[in-house]
PDB file of N, CA and C in Angstrom:
ATOM      1  N   MET A   1     -10.178 -13.032  10.323  1.00  0.00           N
ATOM      2  CA  MET A   1      -9.313 -13.587   9.676  1.00  0.00           C
ATOM      3  C   MET A   1      -9.187 -11.958   8.609  1.00  0.00           C
ATOM      4  N   PHE A   2      -7.320 -11.619   8.650  1.00  0.00           N
ATOM      5  CA  PHE A   2      -6.899 -10.628   7.722  1.00  0.00           C
ATOM      6  C   PHE A   2      -6.485 -11.364   6.612  1.00  0.00           C
ATOM      7  N   ASP A   3      -7.322 -10.685   5.504  1.00  0.00           N
ATOM      8  CA  ASP A   3      -6.758 -10.896   4.108  1.00  0.00           C
ATOM      9  C   ASP A   3      -7.842 -12.377   3.440  1.00  0.00           C
ATOM     10  N   THR A   4      -8.924 -12.563   4.181  1.00  0.00           N
ATOM     11  CA  THR A   4      -9.058 -14.467   3.695  1.00  0.00           C
ATOM     12  C   THR A   4      -9.755 -14.121   2.620  1.00  0.00           C
ATOM     13  N   SER A   5     -10.670 -13.197   2.151  1.00  0.00           N
ATOM     14  CA  SER A   5     -11.198 -12.914   0.921  1.00  0.00           C
ATOM     15  C   SER A   5      -9.551 -13.318  -0.445  1.00  0.00           C
ATOM     16  N   LEU A   6      -8.787 -12.883   0.297  1.00  0.00           N
ATOM     17  CA  LEU A   6      -7.731 -12.669  -1.092  1.00  0.00           C
ATOM     18  C   LEU A   6      -7.503 -14.018  -1.568  1.00  0.00           C
ATOM     19  N   ASN A   7      -7.514 -15.112  -0.430  1.00  0.00           N
ATOM     20  CA  ASN A   7      -7.368 -16.693  -0.663  1.00  0.00           C
ATOM     21  C   ASN A   7      -8.594 -17.224  -2.000  1.00  0.00           C
ATOM     22  N   LEU A   8      -9.368 -16.576  -1.799  1.00  0.00           N
ATOM     23  CA  LEU A   8     -10.471 -17.106  -3.036  1.00  0.00           C
ATOM     24  C   LEU A   8     -10.328 -16.235  -4.551  1.00  0.00           C
ATOM     25  N   THR A   9      -9.374 -16.752  -5.289  1.00  0.00           N
ATOM     26  CA  THR A   9      -8.585 -16.527  -6.501  1.00  0.00           C
ATOM     27  C   THR A   9      -9.100 -15.838  -7.862  1.00  0.00           C
ATOM     28  N   THR A  10     -10.595 -16.224  -7.828  1.00  0.00           N
ATOM     29  CA  THR A  10     -11.050 -15.794  -9.060  1.00  0.00           C
ATOM     30  C   THR A  10     -12.177 -14.632  -8.661  1.00  0.00           C
ATOM     31  N   GLN A  11     -13.088 -14.680  -9.514  1.00  0.00           N
ATOM     32  CA  GLN A  11     -14.021 -13.130  -8.807  1.00  0.00           C
ATOM     33  C   GLN A  11     -15.189 -14.091  -8.342  1.00  0.00           C
ATOM     34  N   GLU A  12     -15.085 -15.359  -9.542  1.00  0.00           N
ATOM     35  CA  GLU A  12     -16.706 -16.053  -9.437  1.00  0.00           C
ATOM     36  C   GLU A  12     -16.455 -16.546  -7.740  1.00  0.00           C
ATOM     37  N   LYS A  13     -15.136 -17.081  -7.596  1.00  0.00           N
ATOM     38  CA  LYS A  13     -14.931 -17.726  -6.057  1.00  0.00           C
ATOM     39  C   LYS A  13     -15.182 -16.786  -4.989  1.00  0.00           C
ATOM     40  N   GLN A  14     -15.020 -15.549  -5.276  1.00  0.00           N
ATOM     41  CA  GLN A  14     -15.149 -14.591  -4.518  1.00  0.00           C
ATOM     42  C   GLN A  14     -16.652 -14.322  -4.321  1.00  0.00           C
ATOM     43  N   VAL A  15     -17.444 -14.211  -5.378  1.00  0.00           N
ATOM     44  CA  VAL A  15     -18.588 -13.817  -5.570  1.00  0.00           C
ATOM     45  C   VAL A  15     -19.185 -14.814  -4.579  1.00  0.00           C
ATOM     46  N   ALA A  16     -19.423 -15.815  -4.732  1.00  0.00           N
ATOM     47  CA  ALA A  16     -19.878 -17.231  -4.393  1.00  0.00           C
ATOM     48  C   ALA A  16     -19.610 -17.205  -2.938  1.00  0.00           C
ATOM     49  N   GLY A  17     -18.096 -16.672  -2.304  1.00  0.00           N
ATOM     50  CA  GLY A  17     -18.033 -16.583  -0.885  1.00  0.00           C
ATOM     51  C   GLY A  17     -19.008 -15.359  -0.131  1.00  0.00           C
ATOM     52  N   PHE A  18     -18.931 -14.395  -0.805  1.00  0.00           N
ATOM     53  CA  PHE A  18     -19.768 -13.468  -0.254  1.00  0.00           C
ATOM     54  C   PHE A  18     -20.990 -14.099  -0.013  1.00  0.00           C
ATOM     55  N   ALA A  19     -21.529 -14.329  -1.328  1.00  0.00           N
ATOM     56  CA  ALA A  19     -23.248 -15.023  -1.258  1.00  0.00           C
ATOM     57  C   ALA A  19     -23.231 -15.776  -0.169  1.00  0.00           C
ATOM     58  N   ASP A  20     -22.241 -16.924   0.031  1.00  0.00           N
ATOM     59  CA  ASP A  20     -22.387 -17.724   1.283  1.00  0.00           C
ATOM     60  C   ASP A  20     -22.710 -17.250   2.472  1.00  0.00           C
ATOM     61  N   VAL A  21     -21.690 -16.270   2.783  1.00  0.00           N
ATOM     62  CA  VAL A  21     -21.995 -15.553   4.200  1.00  0.00           C
ATOM     63  C   VAL A  21     -23.514 -14.665   4.116  1.00  0.00           C
ATOM     64  N   ALA A  22     -23.494 -14.193   2.832  1.00  0.00           N
ATOM     65  CA  ALA A  22     -24.883 -13.318   2.860  1.00  0.00           C
ATOM     66  C   ALA A  22     -25.899 -14.315   3.912  1.00  0.00           C
ATOM     67  N   ARG A  23     -26.124 -15.528   3.257  1.00  0.00           N
ATOM     68  CA  ARG A  23     -27.375 -16.457   3.474  1.00  0.00           C
ATOM     69  C   ARG A  23     -26.937 -16.503   5.160  1.00  0.00           C
ATOM     70  N   HIS A  24     -25.924 -16.442   5.705  1.00  0.00           N
ATOM     71  CA  HIS A  24     -25.410 -17.026   7.216  1.00  0.00           C
ATOM     72  C   HIS A  24     -25.998 -15.880   7.921  1.00  0.00           C
ATOM     73  N   LEU A  25     -26.433 -14.379   7.601  1.00  0.00           N
ATOM     74  CA  LEU A  25     -25.990 -13.461   8.321  1.00  0.00           C
ATOM     75  C   LEU A  25     -27.979 -13.348   8.489  1.00  0.00           C
ATOM     76  N   GLU A  26     -28.143 -12.820   9.582  1.00  0.00           N
ATOM     77  CA  GLU A  26     -29.758 -12.197  10.228  1.00  0.00           C
ATOM     78  C   GLU A  26     -30.327 -11.273   9.470  1.00  0.00           C
ATOM     79  N   PRO A  27     -30.846 -10.769   8.980  1.00  0.00           N
ATOM     80  CA  PRO A  27     -31.700  -9.669   8.271  1.00  0.00           C
ATOM     81  C   PRO A  27     -30.739  -8.446   8.351  1.00  0.00           C
ATOM     82  N   SER A  28     -30.924  -8.239   9.784  1.00  0.00           N
ATOM     83  CA  SER A  28     -29.579  -6.692  10.057  1.00  0.00           C
ATOM     84  C   SER A  28     -28.385  -6.993   9.817  1.00  0.00           C
ATOM     85  N   GLY A  29     -28.097  -8.224   9.683  1.00  0.00           N
ATOM     86  CA  GLY A  29     -26.523  -8.450  10.014  1.00  0.00           C
ATOM     87  C   GLY A  29     -25.641  -7.638   9.317  1.00  0.00           C
ATOM     88  N   ARG A  30     -24.620  -7.744   9.501  1.00  0.00           N
ATOM     89  CA  ARG A  30     -23.322  -6.957   8.477  1.00  0.00           C
ATOM     90  C   ARG A  30     -22.313  -8.005   8.373  1.00  0.00           C
ATOM     91  N   PHE A  31     -21.280  -7.606   7.388  1.00  0.00           N
ATOM     92  CA  PHE A  31     -20.383  -8.731   7.368  1.00  0.00           C
ATOM     93  C   PHE A  31     -19.266  -7.721   7.132  1.00  0.00           C
ATOM     94  N   VAL A  32     -17.934  -7.529   7.802  1.00  0.00           N
ATOM     95  CA  VAL A  32     -17.090  -6.760   7.817  1.00  0.00           C
ATOM     96  C   VAL A  32     -15.714  -7.503   7.633  1.00  0.00           C
ATOM     97  N   ILE A  33     -15.167  -7.271   6.437  1.00  0.00           N
ATOM     98  CA  ILE A  33     -13.846  -7.941   5.704  1.00  0.00           C
ATOM     99  C   ILE A  33     -12.619  -6.784   6.447  1.00  0.00           C
ATOM    100  N   GLU A  34     -11.403  -7.362   6.224  1.00  0.00           N
ATOM    101  CA  GLU A  34     -10.178  -6.670   6.382  1.00  0.00           C
ATOM    102  C   GLU A  34      -9.321  -7.409   5.081  1.00  0.00           C
ATOM    103  N   VAL A  35      -8.698  -6.364   4.686  1.00  0.00           N
ATOM    104  CA  VAL A  35      -7.744  -6.884   3.377  1.00  0.00           C
ATOM    105  C   VAL A  35      -6.829  -5.872   3.437  1.00  0.00           C
ATOM    106  N   GLY A  36      -5.543  -6.101   2.937  1.00  0.00           N
ATOM    107  CA  GLY A  36      -4.787  -5.054   2.525  1.00  0.00           C
ATOM    108  C   GLY A  36      -5.018  -4.966   1.140  1.00  0.00           C
ATOM    109  N   VAL A  37      -4.880  -3.724   0.395  1.00  0.00           N
ATOM    110  CA  VAL A  37      -4.904  -2.994  -0.804  1.00  0.00           C
ATOM    111  C   VAL A  37      -3.225  -2.756  -1.116  1.00  0.00           C
ATOM    112  N   PRO A  38      -3.081  -3.328  -2.212  1.00  0.00           N
ATOM    113  CA  PRO A  38      -1.876  -3.275  -2.987  1.00  0.00           C
ATOM    114  C   PRO A  38      -2.050  -1.892  -3.242  1.00  0.00           C
ATOM    115  N   ASP A  39      -0.419  -1.484  -3.157  1.00  0.00           N
ATOM    116  CA  ASP A  39      -0.252   0.066  -3.576  1.00  0.00           C
ATOM    117  C   ASP A  39       0.263  -0.326  -5.024  1.00  0.00           C
ATOM    118  N   LEU A  40      -0.699   0.021  -6.184  1.00  0.00           N
ATOM    119  CA  LEU A  40      -0.144  -0.522  -7.340  1.00  0.00           C
ATOM    120  C   LEU A  40       0.546   0.968  -7.768  1.00  0.00           C
ATOM    121  N   ARG A  41       0.667   2.225  -7.457  1.00  0.00           N
ATOM    122  CA  ARG A  41       1.371   3.272  -7.621  1.00  0.00           C
ATOM    123  C   ARG A  41       2.355   3.126  -7.520  1.00  0.00           C
ATOM    124  N   ARG A  42       2.999   2.253  -6.835  1.00  0.00           N
ATOM    125  CA  ARG A  42       4.599   2.111  -6.619  1.00  0.00           C
ATOM    126  C   ARG A  42       5.124   1.093  -7.416  1.00  0.00           C
ATOM    127  N   LEU A  43       4.222   0.577  -8.817  1.00  0.00           N
ATOM    128  CA  LEU A  43       4.860  -0.669  -9.095  1.00  0.00           C
ATOM    129  C   LEU A  43       4.947   0.338 -10.327  1.00  0.00           C
ATOM    130  N   PRO A  44       6.136   0.290 -10.747  1.00  0.00           N
ATOM    131  CA  PRO A  44       6.769   0.850 -11.889  1.00  0.00           C
ATOM    132  C   PRO A  44       5.974   0.599 -13.257  1.00  0.00           C
ATOM    133  N   PRO A  45       6.085   1.724 -14.273  1.00  0.00           N
ATOM    134  CA  PRO A  45       4.976   1.414 -15.638  1.00  0.00           C
ATOM    135  C   PRO A  45       6.072   0.184 -16.467  1.00  0.00           C
ATOM    136  N   GLY A  46       5.064  -0.713 -16.762  1.00  0.00           N
ATOM    137  CA  GLY A  46       5.645  -1.651 -17.247  1.00  0.00           C
ATOM    138  C   GLY A  46       6.029  -2.926 -16.736  1.00  0.00           C
ATOM    139  N   GLU A  47       6.318  -2.774 -15.302  1.00  0.00           N
ATOM    140  CA  GLU A  47       6.572  -3.303 -14.401  1.00  0.00           C
ATOM    141  C   GLU A  47       5.651  -4.467 -13.449  1.00  0.00           C
ATOM    142  N   SER A  48       6.268  -5.878 -13.665  1.00  0.00           N
ATOM    143  CA  SER A  48       4.851  -6.872 -13.127  1.00  0.00           C
ATOM    144  C   SER A  48       5.239  -7.437 -11.646  1.00  0.00           C
ATOM    145  N   ALA A  49       6.526  -7.105 -11.188  1.00  0.00           N
ATOM    146  CA  ALA A  49       6.889  -7.543  -9.784  1.00  0.00           C
ATOM    147  C   ALA A  49       7.394  -6.319  -9.193  1.00  0.00           C
ATOM    148  N   ARG A  50       7.206  -6.349  -7.959  1.00  0.00           N
ATOM    149  CA  ARG A  50       7.965  -5.341  -6.621  1.00  0.00           C
ATOM    150  C   ARG A  50       8.402  -6.070  -5.225  1.00  0.00           C
ATOM    151  N   PRO A  51       9.577  -6.055  -4.961  1.00  0.00           N
ATOM    152  CA  PRO A  51      10.317  -6.813  -4.033  1.00  0.00           C
ATOM    153  C   PRO A  51       9.491  -6.153  -3.007  1.00  0.00           C
ATOM    154  N   PHE A  52       9.395  -7.151  -1.576  1.00  0.00           N
ATOM    155  CA  PHE A  52       9.030  -6.626  -0.100  1.00  0.00           C
ATOM    156  C   PHE A  52       9.973  -6.795   0.686  1.00  0.00           C
ATOM    157  N   HIS A  53      10.735  -7.621   0.292  1.00  0.00           N
ATOM    158  CA  HIS A  53      11.850  -8.297   1.548  1.00  0.00           C
ATOM    159  C   HIS A  53      13.437  -8.395   0.778  1.00  0.00           C
ATOM    160  N   VAL A  54      14.508  -7.646   0.610  1.00  0.00           N
ATOM    161  CA  VAL A  54      15.563  -8.113   0.054  1.00  0.00           C
ATOM    162  C   VAL A  54      16.298  -8.197   1.059  1.00  0.00           C
ATOM    163  N   SER A  55      17.337  -8.922   1.147  1.00  0.00           N
ATOM    164  CA  SER A  55      18.316  -9.750   2.076  1.00  0.00           C
ATOM    165  C   SER A  55      19.118 -11.150   0.976  1.00  0.00           C
ATOM    166  N   PRO A  56      20.123 -11.477   1.919  1.00  0.00           N
ATOM    167  CA  PRO A  56      20.902 -12.558   1.550  1.00  0.00           C
ATOM    168  C   PRO A  56      19.571 -13.811   1.443  1.00  0.00           C
ATOM    169  N   THR A  57      18.946 -13.893   2.827  1.00  0.00           N
ATOM    170  CA  THR A  57      17.432 -14.811   2.798  1.00  0.00           C
ATOM    171  C   THR A  57      17.113 -14.383   4.163  1.00  0.00           C
ATOM    172  N   PRO A  58      15.771 -13.505   4.013  1.00  0.00           N
ATOM    173  CA  PRO A  58      15.130 -14.735   3.267  1.00  0.00           C
ATOM    174  C   PRO A  58      15.041 -13.325   2.008  1.00  0.00           C
ATOM    175  N   LEU A  59      14.196 -13.396   1.067  1.00  0.00           N
ATOM    176  CA  LEU A  59      14.001 -12.656  -0.289  1.00  0.00           C
ATOM    177  C   LEU A  59      12.572 -12.683  -0.345  1.00  0.00           C
ATOM    178  N   GLY A  60      11.764 -11.564  -0.928  1.00  0.00           N
ATOM    179  CA  GLY A  60      10.158 -11.944  -0.839  1.00  0.00           C
ATOM    180  C   GLY A  60      10.023 -10.685  -1.828  1.00  0.00           C
ATOM    181  N   PHE A  61       8.999 -11.163  -2.786  1.00  0.00           N
ATOM    182  CA  PHE A  61       8.689 -10.551  -4.002  1.00  0.00           C
ATOM    183  C   PHE A  61       7.439 -10.761  -4.315  1.00  0.00           C
ATOM    184  N   ASP A  62       6.287  -9.845  -5.243  1.00  0.00           N
ATOM    185  CA  ASP A  62       4.965  -9.870  -5.619  1.00  0.00           C
ATOM    186  C   ASP A  62       4.923  -9.813  -6.899  1.00  0.00           C
ATOM    187  N   GLU A  63       4.497 -10.743  -7.467  1.00  0.00           N
ATOM    188  CA  GLU A  63       4.151 -10.396  -9.069  1.00  0.00           C
ATOM    189  C   GLU A  63       2.695 -10.238  -9.156  1.00  0.00           C
ATOM    190  N   TYR A  64       2.371  -9.134 -10.472  1.00  0.00           N
ATOM    191  CA  TYR A  64       1.280  -8.993 -10.547  1.00  0.00           C
ATOM    192  C   TYR A  64       0.510  -8.720 -11.512  1.00  0.00           C
ATOM    193  N   ASP A  65      -0.779  -9.413 -11.779  1.00  0.00           N
ATOM    194  CA  ASP A  65      -1.280  -9.315 -13.015  1.00  0.00           C
ATOM    195  C   ASP A  65      -2.191  -8.261 -12.629  1.00  0.00           C
ATOM    196  N   VAL A  66      -2.124  -6.991 -13.230  1.00  0.00           N
ATOM    197  CA  VAL A  66      -2.976  -5.861 -13.101  1.00  0.00           C
ATOM    198  C   VAL A  66      -4.595  -5.831 -13.326  1.00  0.00           C
ATOM    199  N   ALA A  67      -4.170  -6.305 -14.942  1.00  0.00           N
ATOM    200  CA  ALA A  67      -5.621  -6.166 -15.762  1.00  0.00           C
ATOM    201  C   ALA A  67      -6.625  -7.728 -15.087  1.00  0.00           C
ATOM    202  N   GLY A  68      -6.208  -8.566 -14.495  1.00  0.00           N
ATOM    203  CA  GLY A  68      -6.964  -9.428 -13.770  1.00  0.00           C
ATOM    204  C   GLY A  68      -6.895  -9.521 -12.118  1.00  0.00           C
ATOM    205  N   GLN A  69      -6.066  -8.619 -11.744  1.00  0.00           N
ATOM    206  CA  GLN A  69      -6.588  -8.215 -10.478  1.00  0.00           C
ATOM    207  C   GLN A  69      -5.783  -9.181  -9.606  1.00  0.00           C
ATOM    208  N   GLY A  70      -4.491 -10.036  -9.620  1.00  0.00           N
ATOM    209  CA  GLY A  70      -4.133 -11.040  -9.184  1.00  0.00           C
ATOM    210  C   GLY A  70      -2.824 -10.787  -9.050  1.00  0.00           C
ATOM    211  N   LEU A  71      -2.661 -11.228  -7.599  1.00  0.00           N
ATOM    212  CA  LEU A  71      -1.096 -11.478  -7.606  1.00  0.00           C
ATOM    213  C   LEU A  71      -0.415 -12.303  -7.007  1.00  0.00           C
ATOM    214  N   VAL A  72       1.060 -12.944  -7.149  1.00  0.00           N
ATOM    215  CA  VAL A  72       1.370 -14.013  -6.889  1.00  0.00           C
ATOM    216  C   VAL A  72       2.818 -13.915  -6.092  1.00  0.00           C
ATOM    217  N   SER A  73       2.354 -14.222  -4.630  1.00  0.00           N
ATOM    218  CA  SER A  73       3.618 -13.480  -3.514  1.00  0.00           C
ATOM    219  C   SER A  73       4.510 -14.518  -3.303  1.00  0.00           C
ATOM    220  N   HIS A  74       6.016 -14.304  -3.860  1.00  0.00           N
ATOM    221  CA  HIS A  74       7.153 -15.524  -4.056  1.00  0.00           C
ATOM    222  C   HIS A  74       7.979 -14.964  -2.499  1.00  0.00           C
ATOM    223  N   HIS A  75       8.079 -16.133  -1.766  1.00  0.00           N
ATOM    224  CA  HIS A  75       8.831 -16.127  -0.677  1.00  0.00           C
ATOM    225  C   HIS A  75      10.018 -17.304  -0.806  1.00  0.00           C
ATOM    226  N   GLN A  76      11.392 -16.958  -0.962  1.00  0.00           N
ATOM    227  CA  GLN A  76      12.496 -17.873  -0.916  1.00  0.00           C
ATOM    228  C   GLN A  76      13.451 -17.488   0.840  1.00  0.00           C
ATOM    229  N   VAL A  77      13.334 -18.205   1.113  1.00  0.00           N
ATOM    230  CA  VAL A  77      14.898 -19.184   2.221  1.00  0.00           C
ATOM    231  C   VAL A  77      15.599 -19.987   2.172  1.00  0.00           C
ATOM    232  N   PHE A  78      16.546 -19.327   2.484  1.00  0.00           N
ATOM    233  CA  PHE A  78      17.921 -20.419   3.028  1.00  0.00           C
ATOM    234  C   PHE A  78      18.014 -20.738   4.097  1.00  0.00           C
ATOM    235  N   THR A  79      17.884 -22.311   4.242  1.00  0.00           N
ATOM    236  CA  THR A  79      18.240 -22.986   5.627  1.00  0.00           C
ATOM    237  C   THR A  79      18.760 -24.122   5.186  1.00  0.00           C
ATOM    238  N   ASP A  80      19.760 -24.426   6.182  1.00  0.00           N
ATOM    239  CA  ASP A  80      20.148 -26.006   6.317  1.00  0.00           C
ATOM    240  C   ASP A  80      20.891 -26.220   4.750  1.00  0.00           C
ATOM    241  N   GLY A  81      20.971 -25.010   4.342  1.00  0.00           N
ATOM    242  CA  GLY A  81      21.903 -25.365   2.788  1.00  0.00           C
ATOM    243  C   GLY A  81      21.045 -25.546   1.286  1.00  0.00           C
ATOM    244  N   ARG A  82      19.828 -25.177   1.535  1.00  0.00           N
ATOM    245  CA  ARG A  82      18.623 -25.598   0.939  1.00  0.00           C
ATOM    246  C   ARG A  82      17.792 -24.664   0.276  1.00  0.00           C
ATOM    247  N   TRP A  83      17.695 -23.877  -0.640  1.00  0.00           N
ATOM    248  CA  TRP A  83      16.487 -22.632  -0.549  1.00  0.00           C
ATOM    249  C   TRP A  83      15.043 -23.566  -0.820  1.00  0.00           C
ATOM    250  N   ARG A  84      14.226 -22.432   0.106  1.00  0.00           N
ATOM    251  CA  ARG A  84      13.001 -23.062  -0.194  1.00  0.00           C
ATOM    252  C   ARG A  84      11.860 -22.191  -0.249  1.00  0.00           C
ATOM    253  N   VAL A  85      11.136 -22.859  -1.446  1.00  0.00           N
ATOM    254  CA  VAL A  85      10.695 -21.415  -2.316  1.00  0.00           C
ATOM    255  C   VAL A  85       9.217 -21.532  -2.280  1.00  0.00           C
ATOM    256  N   THR A  86       8.260 -20.716  -1.694  1.00  0.00           N
ATOM    257  CA  THR A  86       6.749 -20.907  -1.572  1.00  0.00           C
ATOM    258  C   THR A  86       6.232 -19.673  -2.430  1.00  0.00           C
ATOM    259  N   SER A  87       5.271 -19.918  -3.639  1.00  0.00           N
ATOM    260  CA  SER A  87       4.535 -19.393  -4.126  1.00  0.00           C
ATOM    261  C   SER A  87       2.966 -19.198  -3.997  1.00  0.00           C
ATOM    262  N   ILE A  88       2.748 -17.858  -3.570  1.00  0.00           N
ATOM    263  CA  ILE A  88       1.061 -18.210  -2.792  1.00  0.00           C
ATOM    264  C   ILE A  88       0.205 -17.177  -3.648  1.00  0.00           C
ATOM    265  N   PRO A  89      -0.886 -17.671  -4.415  1.00  0.00           N
ATOM    266  CA  PRO A  89      -1.755 -16.836  -5.166  1.00  0.00           C
ATOM    267  C   PRO A  89      -2.493 -15.862  -4.437  1.00  0.00           C
ATOM    268  N   PHE A  90      -2.634 -15.170  -4.756  1.00  0.00           N
ATOM    269  CA  PHE A  90      -4.188 -14.100  -4.375  1.00  0.00           C
ATOM    270  C   PHE A  90      -4.615 -13.139  -5.546  1.00  0.00           C
ATOM    271  N   ARG A  91      -5.978 -12.656  -5.101  1.00  0.00           N
ATOM    272  CA  ARG A  91      -6.948 -11.998  -5.642  1.00  0.00           C
ATOM    273  C   ARG A  91      -7.105 -10.732  -5.122  1.00  0.00           C
ATOM    274  N   TYR A  92      -6.746  -9.790  -5.371  1.00  0.00           N
ATOM    275  CA  TYR A  92      -7.154  -8.442  -4.862  1.00  0.00           C
ATOM    276  C   TYR A  92      -8.310  -7.756  -5.268  1.00  0.00           C
ATOM    277  N   VAL A  93      -9.220  -6.832  -4.921  1.00  0.00           N
ATOM    278  CA  VAL A  93     -10.471  -6.338  -5.611  1.00  0.00           C
ATOM    279  C   VAL A  93      -9.747  -4.455  -5.353  1.00  0.00           C
ATOM    280  N   CYS A  94      -9.808  -3.741  -6.574  1.00  0.00           N
ATOM    281  CA  CYS A  94      -9.471  -2.435  -5.851  1.00  0.00           C
ATOM    282  C   CYS A  94     -10.523  -1.697  -6.379  1.00  0.00           C
ATOM    283  N   ARG A  95     -11.138  -0.600  -5.525  1.00  0.00           N
ATOM    284  CA  ARG A  95     -12.199   0.252  -5.904  1.00  0.00           C
ATOM    285  C   ARG A  95     -11.889   0.946  -7.113  1.00  0.00           C
ATOM    286  N   PRO A  96     -12.786   1.241  -8.092  1.00  0.00           N
ATOM    287  CA  PRO A  96     -12.480   1.668  -9.172  1.00  0.00           C
ATOM    288  C   PRO A  96     -12.035   3.432  -8.747  1.00  0.00           C
ATOM    289  N   SER A  97     -11.123   3.901  -9.653  1.00  0.00           N
ATOM    290  CA  SER A  97     -10.849   5.013  -9.497  1.00  0.00           C
ATOM    291  C   SER A  97     -11.859   6.082 -10.057  1.00  0.00           C
ATOM    292  N   SER A  98     -11.862   7.430  -8.893  1.00  0.00           N
ATOM    293  CA  SER A  98     -13.082   8.548  -9.212  1.00  0.00           C
ATOM    294  C   SER A  98     -12.401   9.846 -10.073  1.00  0.00           C
ATOM    295  N   THR A  99     -13.035   9.824 -11.350  1.00  0.00           N
ATOM    296  CA  THR A  99     -12.691  10.842 -12.093  1.00  0.00           C
ATOM    297  C   THR A  99     -13.232  12.203 -11.998  1.00  0.00           C
TER     298      THR A  99
END
């Protein structure tokens, strides 16, 4: 599944999840994950939110906690005369930048 590890919203949960996978692998087994990596370079300095869809409906933006490597994806849809708001927490992991 795409981005499944992002649903483990703390470093401790991610480490435990990966350890659980490792316990199920054969000695020469491999564990492959596919995740999206946020393009934090597009986040303006001092800002913590970035829209990913702007229209009368739906409206969506991601709210970043850069230091904590977390984000909350906010989705707002107007249907049947009412707004439906969903906020989904994620935790991403970025490779340290090379210097």
